[in-house]
Protein backbone atom coordinates (compact mmCIF):
# COMPACT_ATOMS: atom_id res chain seq x y z
CA MET A 1 21.09 45.70 12.21
CA PRO A 2 19.08 43.92 14.90
CA VAL A 3 19.21 40.18 15.05
CA ARG A 4 15.93 38.60 14.10
CA PRO A 5 14.70 36.34 16.88
CA HIS A 6 14.41 32.69 16.12
CA THR A 7 10.89 31.34 15.76
CA LYS A 8 9.54 27.92 16.50
CA MET A 9 8.46 25.45 13.87
CA PRO A 10 4.98 26.36 12.58
CA ILE A 11 2.25 24.11 13.95
CA PRO A 12 0.89 23.05 10.51
CA LYS A 13 4.23 21.47 9.62
CA ILE A 14 4.29 19.45 12.83
CA SER A 15 0.73 18.36 12.12
CA LYS A 16 1.82 17.32 8.62
CA LEU A 17 4.53 15.12 10.15
CA ALA A 18 2.02 13.51 12.48
CA ASP A 19 -0.34 12.93 9.57
CA GLU A 20 2.24 11.47 7.17
CA LEU A 21 4.22 9.40 9.68
CA PHE A 22 1.43 8.05 11.87
CA LEU A 23 -2.18 8.86 10.97
CA ARG A 24 -2.07 8.09 7.25
CA PRO A 25 -0.26 4.71 7.54
CA ILE A 26 -2.68 3.65 10.29
CA VAL A 27 -5.82 4.78 8.45
CA ILE A 28 -4.76 3.15 5.17
CA SER A 29 -3.74 -0.08 6.93
CA MET A 30 -7.24 -0.29 8.42
CA ASN A 31 -8.43 -1.39 4.99
CA SER A 32 -6.08 -4.37 5.22
CA LEU A 33 -7.38 -5.01 8.75
CA VAL A 34 -10.99 -5.15 7.59
CA LEU A 35 -10.26 -7.04 4.36
CA THR A 36 -8.10 -9.74 5.98
CA SER A 37 -10.66 -10.06 8.79
CA LEU A 38 -13.25 -10.86 6.12
CA MET A 39 -10.91 -13.33 4.45
CA SER A 40 -10.10 -15.06 7.72
CA TYR A 41 -13.74 -15.23 8.74
CA VAL A 42 -15.16 -16.63 5.49
CA MET A 43 -12.24 -19.04 5.02
CA SER A 44 -12.10 -20.43 8.56
CA GLY A 45 -15.15 -19.21 10.46
CA THR A 46 -12.92 -17.34 12.93
CA PHE A 47 -10.73 -14.25 13.10
CA ASP A 48 -7.19 -15.63 13.08
CA TRP A 49 -5.03 -12.80 14.46
CA ARG A 50 -1.81 -14.08 12.85
CA PRO A 51 -2.45 -13.39 9.14
CA ILE A 52 -4.42 -10.26 10.04
CA THR A 53 -1.47 -8.92 12.05
CA ILE A 54 1.00 -9.87 9.30
CA CYS A 55 -0.95 -7.95 6.66
CA VAL A 56 -1.64 -4.88 8.81
CA MET A 57 1.93 -4.59 10.13
CA SER A 58 3.35 -5.11 6.64
CA ASP A 59 1.11 -2.29 5.42
CA ILE A 60 2.28 0.03 8.16
CA LEU A 61 5.93 -0.81 7.53
CA ALA A 62 5.70 -0.30 3.77
CA ILE A 63 3.71 2.94 3.91
CA GLY A 64 5.41 4.28 7.04
CA SER A 65 8.96 3.70 5.82
CA ASP A 66 8.14 5.33 2.47
CA HIS A 67 6.64 8.39 4.18
CA LEU A 68 9.51 8.55 6.70
CA LYS A 69 12.06 8.66 3.91
CA ASP A 70 10.16 11.41 2.09
CA GLN A 71 9.59 13.55 5.17
CA GLU A 72 13.18 13.25 6.41
CA SER A 73 14.44 14.43 3.06
CA GLU A 74 11.96 17.32 2.91
CA PHE A 75 12.12 18.62 6.47
CA LEU A 76 15.71 18.03 7.47
CA SER A 77 17.04 19.65 4.31
CA ALA A 78 14.65 22.58 4.52
CA HIS A 79 15.28 23.29 8.20
CA HIS A 80 18.96 22.48 8.58
CA ASN A 81 20.45 24.38 11.53
CA ALA A 82 17.12 26.06 12.19
CA ASP A 83 15.33 26.39 15.50
CA GLY A 84 12.91 23.53 15.95
CA GLU A 85 15.19 21.01 14.23
CA ASN A 86 15.49 19.01 17.45
CA ASN A 87 11.71 19.01 17.70
CA ILE A 88 11.43 17.70 14.16
CA ALA A 89 14.08 15.04 14.79
CA SER A 90 12.12 13.77 17.78
CA TRP A 91 9.16 13.06 15.50
CA PHE A 92 11.38 10.96 13.28
CA THR A 93 12.55 9.09 16.37
CA TYR A 94 8.93 8.41 17.34
CA ALA A 95 8.26 7.20 13.80
CA ARG A 96 11.21 4.80 13.88
CA THR A 97 10.02 3.48 17.24
CA PHE A 98 6.54 3.00 15.78
CA LEU A 99 7.94 1.12 12.78
CA THR A 100 10.19 -0.98 15.04
CA ALA A 101 7.20 -2.00 17.18
CA SER A 102 5.30 -2.91 13.99
CA ALA A 103 8.26 -5.01 12.83
CA VAL A 104 8.35 -6.85 16.17
CA LEU A 105 4.65 -7.69 15.94
CA LEU A 106 5.14 -8.83 12.35
CA ALA A 107 8.05 -11.08 13.37
CA LEU A 108 6.02 -12.58 16.23
CA ALA A 109 3.07 -13.38 13.97
CA LEU A 110 5.36 -14.91 11.33
CA PHE A 111 7.13 -16.98 13.99
CA LEU A 112 3.80 -18.57 14.92
CA CYS A 113 2.90 -19.36 11.31
CA PRO A 114 4.13 -22.09 8.93
CA VAL A 115 7.29 -21.47 6.90
CA SER A 116 5.11 -21.20 3.79
CA THR A 117 3.52 -18.07 5.28
CA LEU A 118 6.94 -16.53 5.82
CA LEU A 119 7.90 -17.20 2.19
CA THR A 120 4.57 -15.93 0.88
CA THR A 121 4.86 -12.75 2.96
CA ALA A 122 8.39 -12.15 1.71
CA VAL A 123 7.27 -12.40 -1.92
CA VAL A 124 4.26 -10.13 -1.35
CA VAL A 125 5.92 -7.49 0.83
CA ALA A 126 9.30 -7.22 -0.94
CA PRO A 127 8.05 -5.01 -3.83
CA ALA A 128 6.30 -2.72 -1.34
CA LEU A 129 9.40 -2.32 0.86
CA LEU A 130 11.56 -1.72 -2.22
CA TRP A 131 8.97 0.66 -3.69
CA THR A 132 11.26 3.71 -3.92
CA THR A 133 14.64 1.96 -3.59
CA PRO A 134 16.88 2.28 -6.68
CA ILE A 135 17.82 -1.22 -7.85
CA ASP A 136 21.22 -1.11 -9.55
CA PHE A 137 21.58 -4.08 -11.93
CA ASN A 138 25.27 -3.27 -12.36
CA LYS A 139 25.83 -4.50 -8.81
CA PHE A 140 23.93 -7.73 -9.49
CA GLU A 141 26.01 -8.40 -12.59
CA PHE A 142 29.22 -7.67 -10.70
CA VAL A 143 28.31 -10.05 -7.83
CA LEU A 144 27.11 -12.74 -10.25
CA LYS A 145 30.39 -12.68 -12.16
CA ARG A 146 32.35 -12.96 -8.95
CA LEU A 147 30.25 -15.93 -7.78
CA LEU A 148 30.61 -17.69 -11.14
CA GLY A 149 34.34 -17.02 -11.20
CA LYS A 150 34.17 -15.19 -14.50
CA SER A 151 36.32 -12.38 -13.24
CA GLY A 152 39.30 -12.86 -11.00
CA ARG A 153 39.55 -9.15 -10.30
CA ALA A 154 37.04 -6.88 -8.62
CA GLU A 155 36.11 -5.04 -11.78
CA ARG A 156 32.93 -3.21 -12.46
CA PRO A 157 30.90 -4.13 -15.56
CA SER A 158 32.06 -2.33 -18.67
CA THR A 159 28.53 -1.54 -19.83
CA SER A 160 26.19 0.57 -17.78
CA MET A 161 22.84 -1.03 -16.98
CA PRO A 162 19.72 0.94 -15.97
CA VAL A 163 18.79 1.64 -12.35
CA LEU A 164 15.23 0.45 -11.66
CA VAL A 165 12.80 2.12 -9.27
CA ILE A 166 9.62 0.03 -9.00
CA LYS A 167 7.49 3.11 -8.28
CA ARG A 168 8.60 4.67 -11.58
CA ILE A 169 7.77 1.77 -13.91
CA PRO A 170 5.29 3.34 -16.39
CA GLY A 171 1.72 2.55 -15.41
CA MET A 172 2.71 -0.23 -13.01
CA LYS A 173 2.36 1.60 -9.69
CA ALA A 174 -1.39 1.04 -9.49
CA ILE A 175 -1.20 -2.52 -10.83
CA PHE A 176 1.42 -3.50 -8.26
CA ASN A 177 -0.73 -1.93 -5.57
CA GLY A 178 -3.77 -3.95 -6.63
CA LEU A 179 -1.90 -7.23 -6.89
CA ILE A 180 -0.25 -6.79 -3.49
CA ARG A 181 -3.43 -5.77 -1.66
CA GLY A 182 -5.73 -8.16 -3.51
CA CYS A 183 -3.96 -11.37 -4.50
CA GLY A 184 -1.14 -10.90 -2.00
CA LEU A 185 -3.29 -10.53 1.11
CA TYR A 186 -5.40 -13.51 0.11
CA ALA A 187 -2.27 -15.63 -0.41
CA ILE A 188 -0.94 -14.72 3.05
CA VAL A 189 -4.23 -15.51 4.80
CA PHE A 190 -4.63 -18.75 2.85
CA SER A 191 -1.10 -19.96 3.67
CA ALA A 192 -1.51 -19.22 7.38
CA LEU A 193 -4.92 -20.91 7.66
CA SER A 194 -4.03 -23.92 5.52
CA GLY A 195 -0.87 -24.51 7.55
CA SER A 196 -2.87 -24.69 10.76
CA GLY A 197 -5.66 -26.80 9.23
CA SER A 198 -8.28 -24.10 9.82
CA LEU A 199 -9.66 -23.84 6.29
CA THR A 200 -13.31 -24.66 5.76
CA ASP A 201 -14.47 -26.79 2.85
CA ALA A 202 -16.40 -23.93 1.22
CA LEU A 203 -16.90 -20.22 1.76
CA PRO A 204 -20.29 -19.14 3.16
CA SER A 205 -22.84 -17.56 0.84
CA PRO A 206 -22.62 -15.15 -0.91
CA TRP A 207 -18.82 -15.32 -1.00
CA THR A 208 -16.41 -17.26 -3.22
CA ALA A 209 -12.64 -17.14 -3.40
CA THR A 210 -12.82 -15.71 -6.93
CA GLN A 211 -15.09 -12.90 -5.78
CA VAL A 212 -12.81 -11.88 -2.92
CA ILE A 213 -9.64 -11.93 -5.02
CA VAL A 214 -11.01 -10.19 -8.13
CA TRP A 215 -13.01 -7.60 -6.19
CA SER A 216 -10.09 -6.73 -3.92
CA THR A 217 -7.53 -6.57 -6.72
CA VAL A 218 -9.65 -4.38 -8.99
CA ASN A 219 -10.80 -2.16 -6.13
CA ARG A 220 -7.26 -1.51 -4.87
CA THR A 221 -5.94 -0.93 -8.39
CA CYS A 222 -8.71 1.54 -9.19
CA HIS A 223 -8.15 3.39 -5.91
CA ALA A 224 -4.45 3.78 -6.71
CA ILE A 225 -5.31 5.10 -10.19
CA LEU A 226 -7.85 7.53 -8.69
CA THR A 227 -5.20 9.01 -6.39
CA ASP A 228 -3.04 9.56 -9.48
CA VAL A 229 -5.89 11.59 -11.00
CA ARG A 230 -5.41 14.03 -8.12
CA ASP A 231 -1.77 14.53 -9.15
CA PHE A 232 -2.44 14.43 -12.91
CA GLU A 233 -1.13 17.90 -13.80
CA ASP A 234 1.97 17.65 -11.58
CA ASP A 235 2.79 14.17 -12.90
CA LEU A 236 2.30 15.34 -16.48
CA LYS A 237 4.73 18.24 -16.00
CA ALA A 238 7.26 16.04 -14.18
CA GLY A 239 7.02 13.26 -16.77
CA VAL A 240 5.83 10.65 -14.24
CA SER A 241 4.14 7.92 -16.29
CA THR A 242 1.06 7.13 -14.23
CA ILE A 243 -1.96 5.59 -15.93
CA PRO A 244 -3.84 8.94 -16.15
CA VAL A 245 -0.75 10.47 -17.79
CA LEU A 246 -0.45 7.54 -20.21
CA LEU A 247 -4.13 7.94 -21.14
CA GLY A 248 -3.59 11.66 -21.56
CA SER A 249 -6.74 12.75 -19.73
CA PHE A 250 -8.20 12.42 -16.26
CA ARG A 251 -11.68 12.20 -17.82
CA LYS A 252 -10.69 9.15 -19.86
CA THR A 253 -9.24 7.70 -16.66
CA LYS A 254 -12.52 8.21 -14.81
CA VAL A 255 -14.46 6.51 -17.61
CA MET A 256 -12.04 3.55 -17.45
CA LEU A 257 -12.38 3.33 -13.65
CA THR A 258 -16.17 3.43 -13.92
CA ALA A 259 -16.10 0.60 -16.46
CA CYS A 260 -13.88 -1.51 -14.19
CA HIS A 261 -16.16 -1.11 -11.17
CA ILE A 262 -19.31 -1.76 -13.20
CA LEU A 263 -17.83 -4.90 -14.77
CA VAL A 264 -16.93 -6.29 -11.35
CA MET A 265 -20.40 -5.46 -10.06
CA LEU A 266 -22.09 -7.21 -13.00
CA ALA A 267 -19.81 -10.24 -12.67
CA PHE A 268 -20.77 -10.69 -9.01
CA ILE A 269 -24.24 -9.13 -9.05
CA GLU A 270 -25.53 -11.81 -6.67
CA ASN A 271 -23.31 -10.45 -3.88
CA ILE A 272 -25.01 -7.33 -2.49
CA TYR A 273 -21.89 -6.29 -0.58
CA ILE A 274 -19.72 -6.21 -3.69
CA THR A 275 -22.52 -4.50 -5.61
CA GLY A 276 -22.84 -1.80 -2.97
CA SER A 277 -19.08 -1.33 -2.77
CA CYS A 278 -18.76 -0.98 -6.56
CA LEU A 279 -21.56 1.59 -6.74
CA TYR A 280 -20.02 3.56 -3.88
CA ALA A 281 -16.57 3.44 -5.49
CA THR A 282 -18.03 4.55 -8.83
CA ALA A 283 -19.70 7.54 -7.19
CA LEU A 284 -16.38 8.53 -5.61
CA VAL A 285 -14.66 8.33 -9.00
CA TRP A 286 -16.81 11.25 -10.20
CA MET A 287 -16.96 13.11 -6.88
CA LEU A 288 -13.19 13.22 -6.35
CA GLY A 289 -10.82 15.02 -8.67
CA LYS A 290 -7.64 17.04 -8.99
CA ASP A 291 -9.02 19.81 -6.76
CA SER A 292 -10.23 17.51 -3.97
CA PRO A 293 -8.30 17.59 -0.67
CA LYS A 294 -5.90 14.73 -0.11
CA LYS A 295 -7.80 13.45 2.92
CA ALA A 296 -10.98 13.08 0.85
CA PHE A 297 -9.33 10.21 -1.03
CA LEU A 298 -9.31 8.19 2.19
CA LEU A 299 -13.02 7.64 1.45
CA SER A 300 -11.96 5.75 -1.65
CA SER A 301 -9.37 3.74 0.23
CA HIS A 302 -12.19 2.36 2.40
CA SER A 303 -14.75 1.73 -0.34
CA GLN A 304 -14.57 -1.96 0.62
CA SER A 305 -14.37 -1.52 4.38
CA LEU A 306 -17.87 -0.12 4.93
CA PHE A 307 -19.56 -3.04 3.18
CA ILE A 308 -17.33 -5.67 4.77
CA ILE A 309 -18.20 -4.27 8.20
CA TRP A 310 -21.88 -4.38 7.20
CA TYR A 311 -21.53 -8.08 6.31
CA LEU A 312 -19.62 -8.94 9.50
CA LEU A 313 -22.11 -7.11 11.72
CA LYS A 314 -25.01 -8.81 9.95
CA SER A 315 -23.35 -12.20 10.43
CA TYR A 316 -23.28 -11.68 14.18
CA THR A 317 -26.90 -10.58 14.51
């Protein structure tokens, strides 16, 4: 029987690696770039590169490391000992180099900021970096007993405690996402600017701190929920408790998302940029669905960016 010649790795799979490991983390992090640029500008009158770099690099590290872990598991197991494995491995090497460079830039920016910024960043970024990491409370109990001297021998706890994965907490994925990208980014920018004495007495019209925080938090939470609508049927079958699954219908989810955007718009109706962003986000809620391509949801991830850029361009003209 003739030996079947080896074939190279199909091009679409290489393009998927490039998309997941590089393009997607960069494109998504651009929202943090634009949002923190707005925060820095309205809070200090300038674009302070330090908090902007901290937020963007943290985004890339959190998203990139999550995607790297997923793609390594998928590709290396599926193509073990196959031709093209070395080619695949080189992409993972490039990705690690990319993440290392991002970590270096993050460390440099943190080094030039007050200690309070370092602590704030650690609190904000930790849940994102531990997003898919199993947290074994048995180990914590074991270490705690050793430190308190309650056990003279290296014994494991007699009772088994649950292993926590933050990403799998029912309904909390989207809420964590919103809090990190809304409240968390604002806290990082505020700590960096206040430490250097760059804060202005008041934000320029039509912005207020409450507007920026609430708008960003709700927008990011709703975007995360909308991406779960895309995976509704798969999550329902797999028993993944996303908010659409908990509500039992993607239509109910879309109604809830619409209500959230409209409420934010009405609360800050005097701000035309927030109003425009909320209307745009609401339109995307009904345009995007379970059959929409994954890349189409990037439009939702930048439902703030377009209107922030509009404001910044108008401020300079």
